[in-house]
Amino acid sequence: MLSALILITCSTVGFDCTTTVVADNIPFHTCPIAAQSEAAKYIHDHPKRKVVRMICADPRRIQFYLHRNEA
């Protein structure tokens, strides 16, 4: 089974949060391990953001997570 790695990140100085798909089509059983290194890379590339949640999800559910916080 394949999985998508989704990061929910927020600004370090406010409440501006975004949902980002970091990787898709990675093996589900390796996703939690990959999530740690991918989150570290993301933080290194985006120092003014913090990771508040890491999600390993079915790639068919990506749109659900991307539009989840919309009003």
PDB file of N, CA and C in Angstrom:
ATOM      1  N   MET A   1       0.846  -1.175   0.000  1.00  0.00           N
ATOM      2  CA  MET A   1       0.000   0.000   0.000  1.00  0.00           C
ATOM      3  C   MET A   1       0.894   1.243   0.000  1.00  0.00           C
ATOM      4  N   LEU A   2       0.526   2.199  -0.814  1.00  0.00           N
ATOM      5  CA  LEU A   2       1.292   3.437  -0.910  1.00  0.00           C
ATOM      6  C   LEU A   2       0.657   4.530  -0.066  1.00  0.00           C
ATOM      7  N   SER A   3       1.450   5.524   0.235  1.00  0.00           N
ATOM      8  CA  SER A   3       1.011   6.586   1.124  1.00  0.00           C
ATOM      9  C   SER A   3       1.548   7.926   0.649  1.00  0.00           C
ATOM     10  N   ALA A   4       0.884   8.995   1.061  1.00  0.00           N
ATOM     11  CA  ALA A   4       1.346  10.362   0.806  1.00  0.00           C
ATOM     12  C   ALA A   4       1.723  10.975   2.147  1.00  0.00           C
ATOM     13  N   LEU A   5       2.803  11.727   2.145  1.00  0.00           N
ATOM     14  CA  LEU A   5       3.230  12.421   3.358  1.00  0.00           C
ATOM     15  C   LEU A   5       2.779  13.866   3.268  1.00  0.00           C
ATOM     16  N   ILE A   6       1.961  14.269   4.221  1.00  0.00           N
ATOM     17  CA  ILE A   6       1.386  15.609   4.253  1.00  0.00           C
ATOM     18  C   ILE A   6       1.851  16.294   5.536  1.00  0.00           C
ATOM     19  N   LEU A   7       2.364  17.508   5.390  1.00  0.00           N
ATOM     20  CA  LEU A   7       2.788  18.291   6.550  1.00  0.00           C
ATOM     21  C   LEU A   7       1.855  19.475   6.734  1.00  0.00           C
ATOM     22  N   ILE A   8       1.435  19.701   7.958  1.00  0.00           N
ATOM     23  CA  ILE A   8       0.712  20.921   8.296  1.00  0.00           C
ATOM     24  C   ILE A   8       1.715  21.791   9.040  1.00  0.00           C
ATOM     25  N   THR A   9       1.972  22.967   8.472  1.00  0.00           N
ATOM     26  CA  THR A   9       2.983  23.861   9.037  1.00  0.00           C
ATOM     27  C   THR A   9       2.348  25.206   9.357  1.00  0.00           C
ATOM     28  N   CYS A  10       2.899  25.864  10.360  1.00  0.00           N
ATOM     29  CA  CYS A  10       2.417  27.185  10.758  1.00  0.00           C
ATOM     30  C   CYS A  10       3.596  28.143  10.877  1.00  0.00           C
ATOM     31  N   SER A  11       3.295  29.409  10.728  1.00  0.00           N
ATOM     32  CA  SER A  11       4.300  30.449  10.911  1.00  0.00           C
ATOM     33  C   SER A  11       4.757  30.446  12.365  1.00  0.00           C
ATOM     34  N   THR A  12       6.023  30.739  12.585  1.00  0.00           N
ATOM     35  CA  THR A  12       6.534  30.776  13.958  1.00  0.00           C
ATOM     36  C   THR A  12       6.096  32.028  14.703  1.00  0.00           C
ATOM     37  N   VAL A  13       5.565  33.022  13.978  1.00  0.00           N
ATOM     38  CA  VAL A  13       5.173  34.281  14.620  1.00  0.00           C
ATOM     39  C   VAL A  13       3.670  34.542  14.573  1.00  0.00           C
ATOM     40  N   GLY A  14       2.892  33.621  14.049  1.00  0.00           N
ATOM     41  CA  GLY A  14       1.459  33.863  13.957  1.00  0.00           C
ATOM     42  C   GLY A  14       0.694  32.571  13.781  1.00  0.00           C
ATOM     43  N   PHE A  15      -0.515  32.707  13.266  1.00  0.00           N
ATOM     44  CA  PHE A  15      -1.387  31.551  13.104  1.00  0.00           C
ATOM     45  C   PHE A  15      -1.614  31.192  11.643  1.00  0.00           C
ATOM     46  N   ASP A  16      -0.712  31.605  10.772  1.00  0.00           N
ATOM     47  CA  ASP A  16      -0.811  31.306   9.351  1.00  0.00           C
ATOM     48  C   ASP A  16      -0.371  29.863   9.116  1.00  0.00           C
ATOM     49  N   CYS A  17      -1.341  28.962   8.932  1.00  0.00           N
ATOM     50  CA  CYS A  17      -1.022  27.547   8.743  1.00  0.00           C
ATOM     51  C   CYS A  17      -1.344  27.107   7.319  1.00  0.00           C
ATOM     52  N   THR A  18      -0.532  26.188   6.807  1.00  0.00           N
ATOM     53  CA  THR A  18      -0.737  25.648   5.468  1.00  0.00           C
ATOM     54  C   THR A  18      -0.557  24.137   5.493  1.00  0.00           C
ATOM     55  N   THR A  19      -1.152  23.499   4.492  1.00  0.00           N
ATOM     56  CA  THR A  19      -1.024  22.063   4.310  1.00  0.00           C
ATOM     57  C   THR A  19      -0.210  21.826   3.052  1.00  0.00           C
ATOM     58  N   THR A  20       0.837  21.020   3.164  1.00  0.00           N
ATOM     59  CA  THR A  20       1.748  20.781   2.057  1.00  0.00           C
ATOM     60  C   THR A  20       1.951  19.287   1.863  1.00  0.00           C
ATOM     61  N   VAL A  21       1.827  18.834   0.620  1.00  0.00           N
ATOM     62  CA  VAL A  21       2.147  17.448   0.293  1.00  0.00           C
ATOM     63  C   VAL A  21       3.643  17.399  -0.007  1.00  0.00           C
ATOM     64  N   VAL A  22       4.384  16.708   0.828  1.00  0.00           N
ATOM     65  CA  VAL A  22       5.835  16.650   0.692  1.00  0.00           C
ATOM     66  C   VAL A  22       6.249  15.500  -0.221  1.00  0.00           C
ATOM     67  N   ALA A  23       5.584  14.374  -0.110  1.00  0.00           N
ATOM     68  CA  ALA A  23       5.912  13.203  -0.924  1.00  0.00           C
ATOM     69  C   ALA A  23       4.651  12.377  -1.112  1.00  0.00           C
ATOM     70  N   ASP A  24       4.571  11.723  -2.252  1.00  0.00           N
ATOM     71  CA  ASP A  24       3.467  10.793  -2.457  1.00  0.00           C
ATOM     72  C   ASP A  24       4.018   9.508  -3.060  1.00  0.00           C
ATOM     73  N   ASN A  25       3.217   8.486  -2.982  1.00  0.00           N
ATOM     74  CA  ASN A  25       3.591   7.164  -3.488  1.00  0.00           C
ATOM     75  C   ASN A  25       4.831   6.591  -2.805  1.00  0.00           C
ATOM     76  N   ILE A  26       4.875   6.743  -1.484  1.00  0.00           N
ATOM     77  CA  ILE A  26       5.925   6.080  -0.713  1.00  0.00           C
ATOM     78  C   ILE A  26       5.276   4.921   0.047  1.00  0.00           C
ATOM     79  N   PRO A  27       6.003   3.855   0.306  1.00  0.00           N
ATOM     80  CA  PRO A  27       5.410   2.723   1.021  1.00  0.00           C
ATOM     81  C   PRO A  27       4.860   3.148   2.384  1.00  0.00           C
ATOM     82  N   PHE A  28       3.648   2.685   2.686  1.00  0.00           N
ATOM     83  CA  PHE A  28       2.974   3.095   3.915  1.00  0.00           C
ATOM     84  C   PHE A  28       3.796   2.768   5.157  1.00  0.00           C
ATOM     85  N   HIS A  29       4.427   1.605   5.181  1.00  0.00           N
ATOM     86  CA  HIS A  29       5.171   1.196   6.382  1.00  0.00           C
ATOM     87  C   HIS A  29       6.435   2.021   6.605  1.00  0.00           C
ATOM     88  N   THR A  30       6.931   2.722   5.591  1.00  0.00           N
ATOM     89  CA  THR A  30       8.115   3.568   5.776  1.00  0.00           C
ATOM     90  C   THR A  30       7.756   5.044   5.943  1.00  0.00           C
ATOM     91  N   CYS A  31       6.500   5.393   5.780  1.00  0.00           N
ATOM     92  CA  CYS A  31       6.085   6.790   5.844  1.00  0.00           C
ATOM     93  C   CYS A  31       6.403   7.459   7.189  1.00  0.00           C
ATOM     94  N   PRO A  32       6.114   6.840   8.331  1.00  0.00           N
ATOM     95  CA  PRO A  32       6.432   7.514   9.599  1.00  0.00           C
ATOM     96  C   PRO A  32       7.920   7.818   9.767  1.00  0.00           C
ATOM     97  N   ILE A  33       8.767   6.944   9.269  1.00  0.00           N
ATOM     98  CA  ILE A  33      10.212   7.178   9.358  1.00  0.00           C
ATOM     99  C   ILE A  33      10.618   8.281   8.391  1.00  0.00           C
ATOM    100  N   ALA A  34      10.101   8.215   7.163  1.00  0.00           N
ATOM    101  CA  ALA A  34      10.407   9.243   6.162  1.00  0.00           C
ATOM    102  C   ALA A  34       9.882  10.603   6.608  1.00  0.00           C
ATOM    103  N   ALA A  35       8.781  10.613   7.337  1.00  0.00           N
ATOM    104  CA  ALA A  35       8.180  11.875   7.780  1.00  0.00           C
ATOM    105  C   ALA A  35       9.150  12.688   8.629  1.00  0.00           C
ATOM    106  N   GLN A  36       9.902  12.028   9.473  1.00  0.00           N
ATOM    107  CA  GLN A  36      10.839  12.739  10.344  1.00  0.00           C
ATOM    108  C   GLN A  36      11.927  13.443   9.539  1.00  0.00           C
ATOM    109  N   SER A  37      12.516  12.738   8.585  1.00  0.00           N
ATOM    110  CA  SER A  37      13.587  13.365   7.799  1.00  0.00           C
ATOM    111  C   SER A  37      13.040  14.415   6.846  1.00  0.00           C
ATOM    112  N   GLU A  38      11.870  14.180   6.262  1.00  0.00           N
ATOM    113  CA  GLU A  38      11.271  15.166   5.358  1.00  0.00           C
ATOM    114  C   GLU A  38      10.862  16.424   6.120  1.00  0.00           C
ATOM    115  N   ALA A  39      10.355  16.260   7.338  1.00  0.00           N
ATOM    116  CA  ALA A  39       9.998  17.423   8.158  1.00  0.00           C
ATOM    117  C   ALA A  39      11.247  18.227   8.508  1.00  0.00           C
ATOM    118  N   ALA A  40      12.342  17.547   8.809  1.00  0.00           N
ATOM    119  CA  ALA A  40      13.596  18.245   9.117  1.00  0.00           C
ATOM    120  C   ALA A  40      14.090  19.031   7.901  1.00  0.00           C
ATOM    121  N   LYS A  41      13.985  18.431   6.717  1.00  0.00           N
ATOM    122  CA  LYS A  41      14.381  19.138   5.485  1.00  0.00           C
ATOM    123  C   LYS A  41      13.494  20.357   5.264  1.00  0.00           C
ATOM    124  N   TYR A  42      12.192  20.195   5.492  1.00  0.00           N
ATOM    125  CA  TYR A  42      11.252  21.300   5.290  1.00  0.00           C
ATOM    126  C   TYR A  42      11.584  22.461   6.229  1.00  0.00           C
ATOM    127  N   ILE A  43      11.838  22.151   7.483  1.00  0.00           N
ATOM    128  CA  ILE A  43      12.170  23.193   8.461  1.00  0.00           C
ATOM    129  C   ILE A  43      13.480  23.888   8.085  1.00  0.00           C
ATOM    130  N   HIS A  44      14.434  23.126   7.593  1.00  0.00           N
ATOM    131  CA  HIS A  44      15.708  23.713   7.165  1.00  0.00           C
ATOM    132  C   HIS A  44      15.492  24.683   6.011  1.00  0.00           C
ATOM    133  N   ASP A  45      14.616  24.309   5.066  1.00  0.00           N
ATOM    134  CA  ASP A  45      14.344  25.154   3.898  1.00  0.00           C
ATOM    135  C   ASP A  45      13.392  26.307   4.201  1.00  0.00           C
ATOM    136  N   HIS A  46      12.603  26.188   5.264  1.00  0.00           N
ATOM    137  CA  HIS A  46      11.609  27.200   5.639  1.00  0.00           C
ATOM    138  C   HIS A  46      11.771  27.523   7.128  1.00  0.00           C
ATOM    139  N   PRO A  47      12.815  28.261   7.504  1.00  0.00           N
ATOM    140  CA  PRO A  47      13.113  28.474   8.929  1.00  0.00           C
ATOM    141  C   PRO A  47      12.065  29.274   9.702  1.00  0.00           C
ATOM    142  N   LYS A  48      11.174  29.970   9.028  1.00  0.00           N
ATOM    143  CA  LYS A  48      10.150  30.756   9.732  1.00  0.00           C
ATOM    144  C   LYS A  48       8.845  29.982   9.903  1.00  0.00           C
ATOM    145  N   ARG A  49       8.896  28.660   9.658  1.00  0.00           N
ATOM    146  CA  ARG A  49       7.715  27.821   9.811  1.00  0.00           C
ATOM    147  C   ARG A  49       8.028  26.678  10.766  1.00  0.00           C
ATOM    148  N   LYS A  50       6.988  26.153  11.396  1.00  0.00           N
ATOM    149  CA  LYS A  50       7.146  24.991  12.265  1.00  0.00           C
ATOM    150  C   LYS A  50       6.145  23.924  11.840  1.00  0.00           C
ATOM    151  N   VAL A  51       6.534  22.682  11.938  1.00  0.00           N
ATOM    152  CA  VAL A  51       5.663  21.563  11.597  1.00  0.00           C
ATOM    153  C   VAL A  51       4.804  21.265  12.818  1.00  0.00           C
ATOM    154  N   VAL A  52       3.479  21.308  12.630  1.00  0.00           N
ATOM    155  CA  VAL A  52       2.580  21.028  13.748  1.00  0.00           C
ATOM    156  C   VAL A  52       1.927  19.654  13.627  1.00  0.00           C
ATOM    157  N   ARG A  53       1.965  19.079  12.401  1.00  0.00           N
ATOM    158  CA  ARG A  53       1.380  17.757  12.225  1.00  0.00           C
ATOM    159  C   ARG A  53       1.961  17.094  10.991  1.00  0.00           C
ATOM    160  N   MET A  54       2.216  15.801  11.093  1.00  0.00           N
ATOM    161  CA  MET A  54       2.663  14.989   9.964  1.00  0.00           C
ATOM    162  C   MET A  54       1.617  13.905   9.750  1.00  0.00           C
ATOM    163  N   ILE A  55       1.166  13.754   8.512  1.00  0.00           N
ATOM    164  CA  ILE A  55       0.111  12.797   8.211  1.00  0.00           C
ATOM    165  C   ILE A  55       0.584  11.858   7.109  1.00  0.00           C
ATOM    166  N   CYS A  56       0.441  10.564   7.330  1.00  0.00           N
ATOM    167  CA  CYS A  56       0.656   9.565   6.292  1.00  0.00           C
ATOM    168  C   CYS A  56      -0.736   9.111   5.862  1.00  0.00           C
ATOM    169  N   ALA A  57      -1.095   9.431   4.626  1.00  0.00           N
ATOM    170  CA  ALA A  57      -2.461   9.182   4.177  1.00  0.00           C
ATOM    171  C   ALA A  57      -2.482   8.483   2.827  1.00  0.00           C
ATOM    172  N   ASP A  58      -3.601   7.888   2.537  1.00  0.00           N
ATOM    173  CA  ASP A  58      -3.836   7.301   1.219  1.00  0.00           C
ATOM    174  C   ASP A  58      -3.754   8.422   0.184  1.00  0.00           C
ATOM    175  N   PRO A  59      -2.970   8.260  -0.883  1.00  0.00           N
ATOM    176  CA  PRO A  59      -2.838   9.324  -1.884  1.00  0.00           C
ATOM    177  C   PRO A  59      -4.174   9.783  -2.479  1.00  0.00           C
ATOM    178  N   ARG A  60      -5.179   8.912  -2.458  1.00  0.00           N
ATOM    179  CA  ARG A  60      -6.498   9.296  -2.982  1.00  0.00           C
ATOM    180  C   ARG A  60      -7.207  10.286  -2.065  1.00  0.00           C
ATOM    181  N   ARG A  61      -6.696  10.479  -0.844  1.00  0.00           N
ATOM    182  CA  ARG A  61      -7.323  11.389   0.126  1.00  0.00           C
ATOM    183  C   ARG A  61      -6.598  12.724   0.241  1.00  0.00           C
ATOM    184  N   ILE A  62      -5.629  12.980  -0.625  1.00  0.00           N
ATOM    185  CA  ILE A  62      -4.859  14.223  -0.549  1.00  0.00           C
ATOM    186  C   ILE A  62      -5.767  15.442  -0.621  1.00  0.00           C
ATOM    187  N   GLN A  63      -6.709  15.453  -1.538  1.00  0.00           N
ATOM    188  CA  GLN A  63      -7.595  16.610  -1.687  1.00  0.00           C
ATOM    189  C   GLN A  63      -8.387  16.876  -0.414  1.00  0.00           C
ATOM    190  N   PHE A  64      -8.762  15.841   0.306  1.00  0.00           N
ATOM    191  CA  PHE A  64      -9.471  16.014   1.575  1.00  0.00           C
ATOM    192  C   PHE A  64      -8.628  16.833   2.552  1.00  0.00           C
ATOM    193  N   TYR A  65      -7.361  16.498   2.660  1.00  0.00           N
ATOM    194  CA  TYR A  65      -6.486  17.212   3.591  1.00  0.00           C
ATOM    195  C   TYR A  65      -6.152  18.616   3.107  1.00  0.00           C
ATOM    196  N   LEU A  66      -6.029  18.800   1.798  1.00  0.00           N
ATOM    197  CA  LEU A  66      -5.694  20.124   1.273  1.00  0.00           C
ATOM    198  C   LEU A  66      -6.832  21.119   1.453  1.00  0.00           C
ATOM    199  N   HIS A  67      -8.072  20.660   1.400  1.00  0.00           N
ATOM    200  CA  HIS A  67      -9.225  21.564   1.483  1.00  0.00           C
ATOM    201  C   HIS A  67      -9.924  21.497   2.836  1.00  0.00           C
ATOM    202  N   ARG A  68      -9.328  20.848   3.773  1.00  0.00           N
ATOM    203  CA  ARG A  68      -9.930  20.633   5.080  1.00  0.00           C
ATOM    204  C   ARG A  68     -10.134  21.912   5.880  1.00  0.00           C
ATOM    205  N   ASN A  69      -9.212  22.850   5.776  1.00  0.00           N
ATOM    206  CA  ASN A  69      -9.280  24.059   6.599  1.00  0.00           C
ATOM    207  C   ASN A  69      -9.956  25.225   5.899  1.00  0.00           C
ATOM    208  N   GLU A  70     -10.482  24.994   4.703  1.00  0.00           N
ATOM    209  CA  GLU A  70     -11.155  26.089   3.993  1.00  0.00           C
ATOM    210  C   GLU A  70     -12.543  26.309   4.570  1.00  0.00           C
ATOM    211  N   ALA A  71     -12.980  27.548   4.569  1.00  0.00           N
ATOM    212  CA  ALA A  71     -14.308  27.882   5.106  1.00  0.00           C
ATOM    213  C   ALA A  71     -15.373  27.680   4.057  1.00  0.00           C
TER     214      ALA A  71
END
